Amino acid sequence: MRFVALIVLLIPVFLAGVGIKWMRDVIFNVQLFPFPNLTLQFISGLLLFILGLGFIGGFIFHRDKKNGKVADRFLKNKEATND
């Protein structure tokens, strides 16, 4: 089960790395095949980077929240859920 979790976490890391590469290629004026122009390549790279980083950040936040390692303002108030 831990191996599957590792694979699930490596996919967004890989996608974020591809996004960084696409943005770097725009800086060096290297246009890749599926993109008709450099602007679309940069926007796609930025989107992949943000989505990959957001997924990893959300995973770490959720894990820390479950273990009680976040600030009190992020913990749910149990009394408020009974309303």
C-alpha atoms as a PDB file:
ATOM      1  CA  MET A   1       0.000   0.000   0.000  1.00  0.00           C
ATOM      2  CA  ARG A   2       2.865   2.389   0.698  1.00  0.00           C
ATOM      3  CA  PHE A   3       4.267   1.758  -2.771  1.00  0.00           C
ATOM      4  CA  VAL A   4       0.980   2.859  -4.339  1.00  0.00           C
ATOM      5  CA  ALA A   5       1.017   6.010  -2.183  1.00  0.00           C
ATOM      6  CA  LEU A   6       4.567   6.732  -3.320  1.00  0.00           C
ATOM      7  CA  ILE A   7       3.560   6.383  -6.960  1.00  0.00           C
ATOM      8  CA  VAL A   8       0.562   8.679  -6.413  1.00  0.00           C
ATOM      9  CA  LEU A   9       2.891  11.303  -4.936  1.00  0.00           C
ATOM     10  CA  LEU A  10       5.544  10.949  -7.632  1.00  0.00           C
ATOM     11  CA  ILE A  11       3.130  11.685 -10.482  1.00  0.00           C
ATOM     12  CA  PRO A  12       2.474  15.338  -9.434  1.00  0.00           C
ATOM     13  CA  VAL A  13       6.182  15.810  -8.706  1.00  0.00           C
ATOM     14  CA  PHE A  14       6.966  14.605 -12.222  1.00  0.00           C
ATOM     15  CA  LEU A  15       4.305  16.881 -13.725  1.00  0.00           C
ATOM     16  CA  ALA A  16       5.660  19.886 -11.795  1.00  0.00           C
ATOM     17  CA  GLY A  17       9.139  19.060 -13.087  1.00  0.00           C
ATOM     18  CA  VAL A  18       7.841  18.932 -16.667  1.00  0.00           C
ATOM     19  CA  GLY A  19       6.177  22.302 -16.095  1.00  0.00           C
ATOM     20  CA  ILE A  20       9.447  23.811 -14.899  1.00  0.00           C
ATOM     21  CA  LYS A  21      11.218  22.393 -17.956  1.00  0.00           C
ATOM     22  CA  TRP A  22       8.633  23.860 -20.333  1.00  0.00           C
ATOM     23  CA  MET A  23       8.956  27.289 -18.698  1.00  0.00           C
ATOM     24  CA  ARG A  24      12.761  27.074 -18.834  1.00  0.00           C
ATOM     25  CA  ASP A  25      12.610  26.164 -22.522  1.00  0.00           C
ATOM     26  CA  VAL A  26      10.583  29.325 -23.174  1.00  0.00           C
ATOM     27  CA  ILE A  27      13.305  31.414 -21.539  1.00  0.00           C
ATOM     28  CA  PHE A  28      15.890  29.855 -23.871  1.00  0.00           C
ATOM     29  CA  ASN A  29      13.522  30.199 -26.868  1.00  0.00           C
ATOM     30  CA  VAL A  30      13.092  26.457 -27.447  1.00  0.00           C
ATOM     31  CA  GLN A  31       9.668  25.624 -28.813  1.00  0.00           C
ATOM     32  CA  LEU A  32       8.455  22.067 -28.242  1.00  0.00           C
ATOM     33  CA  PHE A  33       6.283  20.027 -30.614  1.00  0.00           C
ATOM     34  CA  PRO A  34       2.741  20.116 -29.212  1.00  0.00           C
ATOM     35  CA  PHE A  35       2.719  23.915 -28.740  1.00  0.00           C
ATOM     36  CA  PRO A  36       2.090  26.346 -31.597  1.00  0.00           C
ATOM     37  CA  ASN A  37       3.744  29.279 -29.791  1.00  0.00           C
ATOM     38  CA  LEU A  38       5.928  30.016 -26.785  1.00  0.00           C
ATOM     39  CA  THR A  39       3.222  31.806 -24.802  1.00  0.00           C
ATOM     40  CA  LEU A  40       1.003  28.738 -24.758  1.00  0.00           C
ATOM     41  CA  GLN A  41       3.997  26.599 -23.783  1.00  0.00           C
ATOM     42  CA  PHE A  42       4.810  28.887 -20.844  1.00  0.00           C
ATOM     43  CA  ILE A  43       1.195  29.013 -19.633  1.00  0.00           C
ATOM     44  CA  SER A  44       0.932  25.215 -19.849  1.00  0.00           C
ATOM     45  CA  GLY A  45       4.178  24.825 -17.901  1.00  0.00           C
ATOM     46  CA  LEU A  46       3.021  27.269 -15.249  1.00  0.00           C
ATOM     47  CA  LEU A  47      -0.300  25.439 -14.921  1.00  0.00           C
ATOM     48  CA  LEU A  48       1.412  22.053 -14.543  1.00  0.00           C
ATOM     49  CA  PHE A  49       3.803  23.483 -11.968  1.00  0.00           C
ATOM     50  CA  ILE A  50       1.039  25.084  -9.894  1.00  0.00           C
ATOM     51  CA  LEU A  51      -1.163  21.971 -10.006  1.00  0.00           C
ATOM     52  CA  GLY A  52       1.702  19.647  -9.048  1.00  0.00           C
ATOM     53  CA  LEU A  53       2.904  21.899  -6.250  1.00  0.00           C
ATOM     54  CA  GLY A  54      -0.662  22.414  -5.002  1.00  0.00           C
ATOM     55  CA  PHE A  55      -1.322  18.677  -4.872  1.00  0.00           C
ATOM     56  CA  ILE A  56       1.864  17.979  -2.890  1.00  0.00           C
ATOM     57  CA  GLY A  57       1.207  20.946  -0.586  1.00  0.00           C
ATOM     58  CA  GLY A  58      -2.378  19.844  -0.012  1.00  0.00           C
ATOM     59  CA  PHE A  59      -1.264  16.311   0.743  1.00  0.00           C
ATOM     60  CA  ILE A  60       1.296  17.473   3.302  1.00  0.00           C
ATOM     61  CA  PHE A  61      -1.217  19.876   4.883  1.00  0.00           C
ATOM     62  CA  HIS A  62      -3.884  17.145   5.109  1.00  0.00           C
ATOM     63  CA  ARG A  63      -1.412  14.702   6.660  1.00  0.00           C
ATOM     64  CA  ASP A  64      -0.196  17.254   9.210  1.00  0.00           C
ATOM     65  CA  LYS A  65      -3.778  18.264   9.995  1.00  0.00           C
ATOM     66  CA  LYS A  66      -4.707  14.637  10.603  1.00  0.00           C
ATOM     67  CA  ASN A  67      -1.727  14.273  12.968  1.00  0.00           C
ATOM     68  CA  GLY A  68      -2.550  17.539  14.790  1.00  0.00           C
ATOM     69  CA  LYS A  69       0.616  19.364  13.716  1.00  0.00           C
ATOM     70  CA  VAL A  70      -1.022  22.482  12.275  1.00  0.00           C
ATOM     71  CA  ALA A  71      -2.007  25.750  13.928  1.00  0.00           C
ATOM     72  CA  ASP A  72      -5.221  25.817  15.933  1.00  0.00           C
ATOM     73  CA  ARG A  73      -6.981  28.028  13.382  1.00  0.00           C
ATOM     74  CA  PHE A  74      -6.810  25.213  10.808  1.00  0.00           C
ATOM     75  CA  LEU A  75      -8.298  22.569  13.087  1.00  0.00           C
ATOM     76  CA  LYS A  76     -12.052  22.099  12.854  1.00  0.00           C
ATOM     77  CA  ASN A  77     -14.038  23.125  15.878  1.00  0.00           C
ATOM     78  CA  LYS A  78     -16.005  20.035  16.955  1.00  0.00           C
ATOM     79  CA  GLU A  79     -18.703  22.114  18.659  1.00  0.00           C
ATOM     80  CA  ALA A  80     -19.466  24.054  15.459  1.00  0.00           C
ATOM     81  CA  THR A  81     -20.206  20.878  13.482  1.00  0.00           C
ATOM     82  CA  ASN A  82     -23.133  19.975  15.766  1.00  0.00           C
ATOM     83  CA  ASP A  83     -25.193  23.030  14.677  1.00  0.00           C
END
